[in-house]
Amino acid sequence: MEEINLHTLLFADKIITEDNGKKGIIGVFNIFNFHRFPAVSPPWFVFVQMDNLKTGKYDFTFNLAHQHTQEVVFSGAGSFETREGQEGMELVFPMPPVRFGRDGNYLLSLVLDGREIGQRILKVTEKKDQG
């Protein structure tokens, strides 16, 4: 089985698709700062860019879990199809508000047809007031 190439796995405030199909990725980040916990994030997006996919249907899952406790704070799934001759695939996945019970590193895993193809860390911190 050929290896799927994961080129991009980003967190962003907003992603728009222009009329020509290009993506506008606004507000790329990897940290959420909160004043206290538990905390709820605003809605956000995950952007994925990959290639070396065979023609056909793929099922995917995103899992976001605290790196040390393994507590899953979000899990979402979907599917897409690739056509013959298609160069690659871009996925825009809208994330709902997510509840974080504690600070720490949260690992977003992308699973495609049962195989993990990539991960990205989201740092969640407590912002201390100055004063």
N, C-alpha and C. Protein backbone atom coordinates (compact mmCIF):
# COMPACT_ATOMS: atom_id res chain seq x y z
N MET A 1 0.85 -1.18 0.00
CA MET A 1 0.00 0.00 0.00
C MET A 1 0.89 1.25 0.00
N GLU A 2 0.62 2.18 -0.89
CA GLU A 2 1.41 3.40 -0.99
C GLU A 2 1.12 4.30 0.22
N GLU A 3 2.15 5.03 0.63
CA GLU A 3 2.01 5.97 1.74
C GLU A 3 1.31 7.24 1.28
N ILE A 4 0.32 7.65 2.03
CA ILE A 4 -0.35 8.92 1.78
C ILE A 4 0.56 10.02 2.29
N ASN A 5 0.73 11.06 1.50
CA ASN A 5 1.55 12.20 1.90
C ASN A 5 0.67 13.26 2.52
N LEU A 6 0.86 13.51 3.82
CA LEU A 6 0.17 14.58 4.52
C LEU A 6 1.08 15.80 4.47
N HIS A 7 0.66 16.84 3.75
CA HIS A 7 1.47 18.04 3.60
C HIS A 7 1.13 19.11 4.63
N THR A 8 -0.15 19.23 4.98
CA THR A 8 -0.58 20.31 5.86
C THR A 8 -1.66 19.82 6.81
N LEU A 9 -1.50 20.19 8.07
CA LEU A 9 -2.53 19.98 9.09
C LEU A 9 -2.47 21.23 9.97
N LEU A 10 -3.41 22.16 9.71
CA LEU A 10 -3.39 23.47 10.36
C LEU A 10 -4.65 23.73 11.15
N PHE A 11 -4.51 24.56 12.21
CA PHE A 11 -5.64 25.12 12.94
C PHE A 11 -5.78 26.57 12.50
N ALA A 12 -7.02 27.00 12.23
CA ALA A 12 -7.24 28.38 11.78
C ALA A 12 -8.55 28.91 12.33
N ASP A 13 -8.59 30.25 12.46
CA ASP A 13 -9.82 30.90 12.91
C ASP A 13 -10.92 30.79 11.86
N LYS A 14 -10.53 30.90 10.59
CA LYS A 14 -11.51 30.89 9.50
C LYS A 14 -10.85 30.40 8.22
N ILE A 15 -11.60 29.70 7.41
CA ILE A 15 -11.13 29.27 6.09
C ILE A 15 -12.24 29.55 5.10
N ILE A 16 -11.89 30.27 4.05
CA ILE A 16 -12.87 30.57 3.00
C ILE A 16 -12.39 29.93 1.70
N THR A 17 -13.34 29.52 0.88
CA THR A 17 -13.03 29.00 -0.44
C THR A 17 -13.45 30.03 -1.46
N GLU A 18 -12.49 30.51 -2.23
CA GLU A 18 -12.75 31.53 -3.23
C GLU A 18 -13.45 30.90 -4.43
N ASP A 19 -13.98 31.75 -5.32
CA ASP A 19 -14.68 31.27 -6.51
C ASP A 19 -13.81 30.38 -7.39
N ASN A 20 -12.49 30.62 -7.37
CA ASN A 20 -11.59 29.82 -8.20
C ASN A 20 -11.12 28.55 -7.50
N GLY A 21 -11.64 28.27 -6.30
CA GLY A 21 -11.30 27.06 -5.57
C GLY A 21 -10.14 27.22 -4.60
N LYS A 22 -9.43 28.34 -4.66
CA LYS A 22 -8.33 28.56 -3.73
C LYS A 22 -8.88 28.78 -2.32
N LYS A 23 -8.08 28.37 -1.33
CA LYS A 23 -8.48 28.52 0.07
C LYS A 23 -7.81 29.75 0.67
N GLY A 24 -8.58 30.53 1.39
CA GLY A 24 -8.05 31.63 2.19
C GLY A 24 -8.04 31.18 3.64
N ILE A 25 -6.85 31.04 4.20
CA ILE A 25 -6.69 30.54 5.56
C ILE A 25 -6.33 31.73 6.45
N ILE A 26 -7.22 32.04 7.39
CA ILE A 26 -7.11 33.25 8.19
C ILE A 26 -6.90 32.89 9.65
N GLY A 27 -5.88 33.48 10.25
CA GLY A 27 -5.65 33.30 11.68
C GLY A 27 -5.13 31.92 12.05
N VAL A 28 -4.01 31.50 11.47
CA VAL A 28 -3.42 30.21 11.82
C VAL A 28 -2.87 30.29 13.25
N PHE A 29 -3.10 29.26 14.04
CA PHE A 29 -2.66 29.26 15.43
C PHE A 29 -2.31 27.85 15.88
N ASN A 30 -1.67 27.75 17.05
CA ASN A 30 -1.45 26.45 17.68
C ASN A 30 -1.59 26.53 19.21
N ILE A 31 -2.09 27.69 19.70
CA ILE A 31 -2.27 27.89 21.15
C ILE A 31 -3.63 28.52 21.42
N PHE A 32 -4.32 27.99 22.44
CA PHE A 32 -5.49 28.64 23.02
C PHE A 32 -5.09 29.11 24.41
N ASN A 33 -5.34 30.37 24.73
CA ASN A 33 -5.11 30.91 26.07
C ASN A 33 -6.46 31.19 26.72
N PHE A 34 -6.65 30.67 27.91
CA PHE A 34 -7.88 30.89 28.65
C PHE A 34 -7.56 31.47 30.03
N HIS A 35 -8.52 32.20 30.62
CA HIS A 35 -8.32 32.79 31.94
C HIS A 35 -8.54 31.78 33.06
N ARG A 36 -9.38 30.77 32.81
CA ARG A 36 -9.64 29.74 33.82
C ARG A 36 -10.22 28.50 33.14
N PHE A 37 -10.23 27.42 33.90
CA PHE A 37 -10.75 26.14 33.40
C PHE A 37 -11.87 25.66 34.30
N PRO A 38 -12.85 24.95 33.77
CA PRO A 38 -12.98 24.57 32.36
C PRO A 38 -13.22 25.79 31.47
N ALA A 39 -12.87 25.63 30.20
CA ALA A 39 -12.99 26.71 29.23
C ALA A 39 -13.54 26.15 27.92
N VAL A 40 -14.22 27.02 27.18
CA VAL A 40 -14.79 26.61 25.89
C VAL A 40 -14.20 27.50 24.80
N SER A 41 -13.69 26.86 23.77
CA SER A 41 -13.09 27.59 22.64
C SER A 41 -14.18 28.19 21.77
N PRO A 42 -13.82 29.19 20.98
CA PRO A 42 -14.73 29.62 19.92
C PRO A 42 -14.71 28.57 18.81
N PRO A 43 -15.66 28.62 17.87
CA PRO A 43 -15.57 27.72 16.71
C PRO A 43 -14.27 28.01 15.94
N TRP A 44 -13.71 26.98 15.31
CA TRP A 44 -12.47 27.12 14.54
C TRP A 44 -12.46 26.08 13.43
N PHE A 45 -11.37 26.00 12.71
CA PHE A 45 -11.28 25.10 11.55
C PHE A 45 -9.98 24.31 11.56
N VAL A 46 -10.04 23.15 10.94
CA VAL A 46 -8.85 22.35 10.65
C VAL A 46 -8.73 22.27 9.13
N PHE A 47 -7.52 22.50 8.63
CA PHE A 47 -7.24 22.42 7.19
C PHE A 47 -6.23 21.30 6.97
N VAL A 48 -6.56 20.42 6.02
CA VAL A 48 -5.72 19.28 5.69
C VAL A 48 -5.43 19.30 4.20
N GLN A 49 -4.18 19.06 3.86
CA GLN A 49 -3.78 18.95 2.46
C GLN A 49 -2.93 17.69 2.34
N MET A 50 -3.31 16.80 1.41
CA MET A 50 -2.61 15.52 1.24
C MET A 50 -2.66 15.09 -0.22
N ASP A 51 -1.76 14.19 -0.56
CA ASP A 51 -1.79 13.60 -1.90
C ASP A 51 -1.31 12.15 -1.84
N ASN A 52 -1.13 11.55 -2.99
CA ASN A 52 -0.78 10.14 -3.14
C ASN A 52 -1.94 9.24 -2.68
N LEU A 53 -3.15 9.68 -2.99
CA LEU A 53 -4.36 8.92 -2.67
C LEU A 53 -4.80 8.13 -3.89
N LYS A 54 -5.29 6.94 -3.66
CA LYS A 54 -5.87 6.16 -4.75
C LYS A 54 -7.27 6.67 -5.05
N THR A 55 -7.79 6.36 -6.21
CA THR A 55 -9.15 6.72 -6.59
C THR A 55 -10.12 5.93 -5.72
N GLY A 56 -11.12 6.64 -5.17
CA GLY A 56 -12.13 5.95 -4.38
C GLY A 56 -12.57 6.76 -3.17
N LYS A 57 -13.33 6.09 -2.31
CA LYS A 57 -13.91 6.72 -1.13
C LYS A 57 -13.01 6.48 0.09
N TYR A 58 -12.89 7.53 0.91
CA TYR A 58 -12.12 7.46 2.15
C TYR A 58 -12.98 7.94 3.30
N ASP A 59 -12.86 7.27 4.43
CA ASP A 59 -13.48 7.71 5.67
C ASP A 59 -12.38 8.28 6.56
N PHE A 60 -12.69 9.40 7.22
CA PHE A 60 -11.69 9.99 8.10
C PHE A 60 -12.29 10.31 9.45
N THR A 61 -11.41 10.39 10.45
CA THR A 61 -11.79 10.75 11.80
C THR A 61 -10.74 11.70 12.37
N PHE A 62 -11.21 12.72 13.09
CA PHE A 62 -10.34 13.58 13.88
C PHE A 62 -10.62 13.28 15.34
N ASN A 63 -9.56 13.09 16.12
CA ASN A 63 -9.69 12.94 17.57
C ASN A 63 -8.77 13.95 18.22
N LEU A 64 -9.31 14.70 19.19
CA LEU A 64 -8.51 15.66 19.93
C LEU A 64 -8.52 15.22 21.38
N ALA A 65 -7.33 14.87 21.89
CA ALA A 65 -7.23 14.32 23.24
C ALA A 65 -6.07 14.95 24.00
N HIS A 66 -6.24 15.07 25.31
CA HIS A 66 -5.17 15.57 26.17
C HIS A 66 -4.00 14.59 26.06
N GLN A 67 -2.82 15.11 25.82
CA GLN A 67 -1.67 14.26 25.52
C GLN A 67 -1.31 13.32 26.68
N HIS A 68 -1.49 13.76 27.93
CA HIS A 68 -1.07 12.93 29.06
C HIS A 68 -2.21 12.09 29.64
N THR A 69 -3.41 12.67 29.74
CA THR A 69 -4.52 11.93 30.34
C THR A 69 -5.29 11.09 29.32
N GLN A 70 -5.08 11.37 28.03
CA GLN A 70 -5.78 10.69 26.93
C GLN A 70 -7.28 11.00 26.90
N GLU A 71 -7.72 12.00 27.68
CA GLU A 71 -9.12 12.40 27.68
C GLU A 71 -9.46 13.01 26.31
N VAL A 72 -10.44 12.41 25.62
CA VAL A 72 -10.88 12.91 24.32
C VAL A 72 -11.87 14.04 24.53
N VAL A 73 -11.54 15.22 23.98
CA VAL A 73 -12.43 16.37 24.12
C VAL A 73 -13.23 16.63 22.85
N PHE A 74 -12.82 16.01 21.74
CA PHE A 74 -13.57 16.12 20.49
C PHE A 74 -13.25 14.93 19.61
N SER A 75 -14.28 14.43 18.94
CA SER A 75 -14.11 13.41 17.92
C SER A 75 -15.11 13.73 16.81
N GLY A 76 -14.63 13.75 15.59
CA GLY A 76 -15.49 14.04 14.45
C GLY A 76 -15.10 13.18 13.28
N ALA A 77 -16.03 12.94 12.39
CA ALA A 77 -15.77 12.04 11.27
C ALA A 77 -16.43 12.56 10.00
N GLY A 78 -16.00 12.01 8.89
CA GLY A 78 -16.58 12.34 7.60
C GLY A 78 -16.01 11.43 6.53
N SER A 79 -16.31 11.75 5.30
CA SER A 79 -15.78 10.96 4.18
C SER A 79 -15.61 11.87 2.98
N PHE A 80 -14.81 11.41 2.04
CA PHE A 80 -14.62 12.11 0.77
C PHE A 80 -14.28 11.08 -0.30
N GLU A 81 -14.41 11.51 -1.55
CA GLU A 81 -14.06 10.64 -2.68
C GLU A 81 -13.03 11.33 -3.55
N THR A 82 -12.12 10.53 -4.08
CA THR A 82 -11.15 11.05 -5.03
C THR A 82 -11.49 10.48 -6.41
N ARG A 83 -11.21 11.30 -7.43
CA ARG A 83 -11.48 10.89 -8.81
C ARG A 83 -10.19 10.46 -9.48
N GLU A 84 -10.30 9.71 -10.52
CA GLU A 84 -9.13 9.31 -11.29
C GLU A 84 -8.40 10.55 -11.81
N GLY A 85 -7.09 10.58 -11.65
CA GLY A 85 -6.28 11.68 -12.13
C GLY A 85 -6.23 12.87 -11.18
N GLN A 86 -6.92 12.78 -10.05
CA GLN A 86 -6.93 13.87 -9.09
C GLN A 86 -5.56 13.97 -8.42
N GLU A 87 -5.02 15.18 -8.38
CA GLU A 87 -3.67 15.40 -7.85
C GLU A 87 -3.58 15.20 -6.33
N GLY A 88 -4.57 15.67 -5.62
CA GLY A 88 -4.54 15.59 -4.16
C GLY A 88 -5.89 15.95 -3.59
N MET A 89 -5.93 16.12 -2.28
CA MET A 89 -7.18 16.42 -1.60
C MET A 89 -6.93 17.47 -0.53
N GLU A 90 -7.85 18.43 -0.46
CA GLU A 90 -7.85 19.41 0.62
C GLU A 90 -9.15 19.25 1.39
N LEU A 91 -9.06 19.17 2.70
CA LEU A 91 -10.23 19.08 3.56
C LEU A 91 -10.31 20.32 4.43
N VAL A 92 -11.48 20.88 4.54
CA VAL A 92 -11.76 21.96 5.48
C VAL A 92 -12.78 21.40 6.45
N PHE A 93 -12.38 21.29 7.71
CA PHE A 93 -13.25 20.69 8.72
C PHE A 93 -13.60 21.74 9.77
N PRO A 94 -14.88 22.15 9.83
CA PRO A 94 -15.28 23.13 10.85
C PRO A 94 -15.35 22.47 12.23
N MET A 95 -14.67 23.07 13.18
CA MET A 95 -14.68 22.56 14.55
C MET A 95 -15.68 23.37 15.36
N PRO A 96 -16.53 22.69 16.12
CA PRO A 96 -17.46 23.42 16.99
C PRO A 96 -16.70 23.93 18.22
N PRO A 97 -17.35 24.71 19.06
CA PRO A 97 -16.71 25.05 20.33
C PRO A 97 -16.34 23.77 21.08
N VAL A 98 -15.13 23.73 21.61
CA VAL A 98 -14.63 22.55 22.32
C VAL A 98 -14.41 22.93 23.78
N ARG A 99 -14.83 22.06 24.68
CA ARG A 99 -14.66 22.28 26.13
C ARG A 99 -13.35 21.63 26.58
N PHE A 100 -12.49 22.44 27.18
CA PHE A 100 -11.22 21.97 27.72
C PHE A 100 -11.30 22.01 29.24
N GLY A 101 -11.07 20.88 29.89
CA GLY A 101 -11.16 20.81 31.34
C GLY A 101 -9.90 21.22 32.06
N ARG A 102 -8.78 21.23 31.34
CA ARG A 102 -7.48 21.56 31.96
C ARG A 102 -6.53 22.04 30.90
N ASP A 103 -5.45 22.66 31.35
CA ASP A 103 -4.43 23.10 30.41
C ASP A 103 -3.55 21.91 30.00
N GLY A 104 -2.66 22.15 29.05
CA GLY A 104 -1.75 21.10 28.59
C GLY A 104 -1.73 21.01 27.08
N ASN A 105 -1.02 20.02 26.60
CA ASN A 105 -0.97 19.76 25.17
C ASN A 105 -2.08 18.80 24.78
N TYR A 106 -2.79 19.17 23.73
CA TYR A 106 -3.85 18.32 23.19
C TYR A 106 -3.40 17.89 21.80
N LEU A 107 -3.53 16.60 21.53
CA LEU A 107 -3.05 16.04 20.27
C LEU A 107 -4.24 15.78 19.35
N LEU A 108 -4.20 16.44 18.17
CA LEU A 108 -5.21 16.18 17.14
C LEU A 108 -4.64 15.10 16.22
N SER A 109 -5.34 13.98 16.14
CA SER A 109 -4.93 12.88 15.27
C SER A 109 -5.89 12.79 14.09
N LEU A 110 -5.33 12.60 12.90
CA LEU A 110 -6.12 12.39 11.69
C LEU A 110 -5.98 10.93 11.31
N VAL A 111 -7.12 10.22 11.30
CA VAL A 111 -7.16 8.81 10.95
C VAL A 111 -7.91 8.68 9.64
N LEU A 112 -7.28 8.03 8.67
CA LEU A 112 -7.86 7.85 7.34
C LEU A 112 -8.00 6.35 7.08
N ASP A 113 -9.23 5.90 6.90
CA ASP A 113 -9.52 4.47 6.70
C ASP A 113 -8.83 3.58 7.73
N GLY A 114 -8.92 4.02 8.99
CA GLY A 114 -8.39 3.21 10.08
C GLY A 114 -6.90 3.36 10.36
N ARG A 115 -6.19 4.16 9.56
CA ARG A 115 -4.74 4.36 9.75
C ARG A 115 -4.47 5.81 10.12
N GLU A 116 -3.73 6.02 11.19
CA GLU A 116 -3.36 7.38 11.54
C GLU A 116 -2.33 7.89 10.53
N ILE A 117 -2.62 9.05 9.93
CA ILE A 117 -1.68 9.59 8.94
C ILE A 117 -1.02 10.87 9.40
N GLY A 118 -1.46 11.43 10.54
CA GLY A 118 -0.81 12.64 11.02
C GLY A 118 -1.36 13.10 12.34
N GLN A 119 -0.56 13.97 13.00
CA GLN A 119 -0.93 14.55 14.28
C GLN A 119 -0.44 15.99 14.34
N ARG A 120 -1.08 16.75 15.20
CA ARG A 120 -0.64 18.12 15.47
C ARG A 120 -0.99 18.45 16.91
N ILE A 121 -0.09 19.15 17.58
CA ILE A 121 -0.32 19.53 18.97
C ILE A 121 -0.98 20.90 19.04
N LEU A 122 -1.99 20.99 19.87
CA LEU A 122 -2.64 22.25 20.22
C LEU A 122 -2.33 22.51 21.69
N LYS A 123 -1.64 23.61 21.95
CA LYS A 123 -1.30 23.96 23.33
C LYS A 123 -2.46 24.75 23.93
N VAL A 124 -2.88 24.34 25.11
CA VAL A 124 -3.96 25.01 25.82
C VAL A 124 -3.38 25.48 27.14
N THR A 125 -3.37 26.81 27.34
CA THR A 125 -2.71 27.37 28.51
C THR A 125 -3.65 28.25 29.31
N GLU A 126 -3.26 28.47 30.56
CA GLU A 126 -3.99 29.40 31.43
C GLU A 126 -3.22 30.71 31.42
N LYS A 127 -3.90 31.75 30.99
CA LYS A 127 -3.30 33.08 30.93
C LYS A 127 -3.49 33.75 32.27
N LYS A 128 -2.39 34.01 32.94
CA LYS A 128 -2.44 34.64 34.25
C LYS A 128 -2.58 36.15 34.07
N ASP A 129 -3.46 36.75 34.87
CA ASP A 129 -3.60 38.21 34.82
C ASP A 129 -2.35 38.88 35.37
N GLN A 130 -1.94 39.94 34.73
CA GLN A 130 -0.81 40.72 35.21
C GLN A 130 -1.30 41.66 36.31
N GLY A 131 -0.59 41.74 37.40
CA GLY A 131 -1.02 42.70 38.38
C GLY A 131 -0.82 42.21 39.71
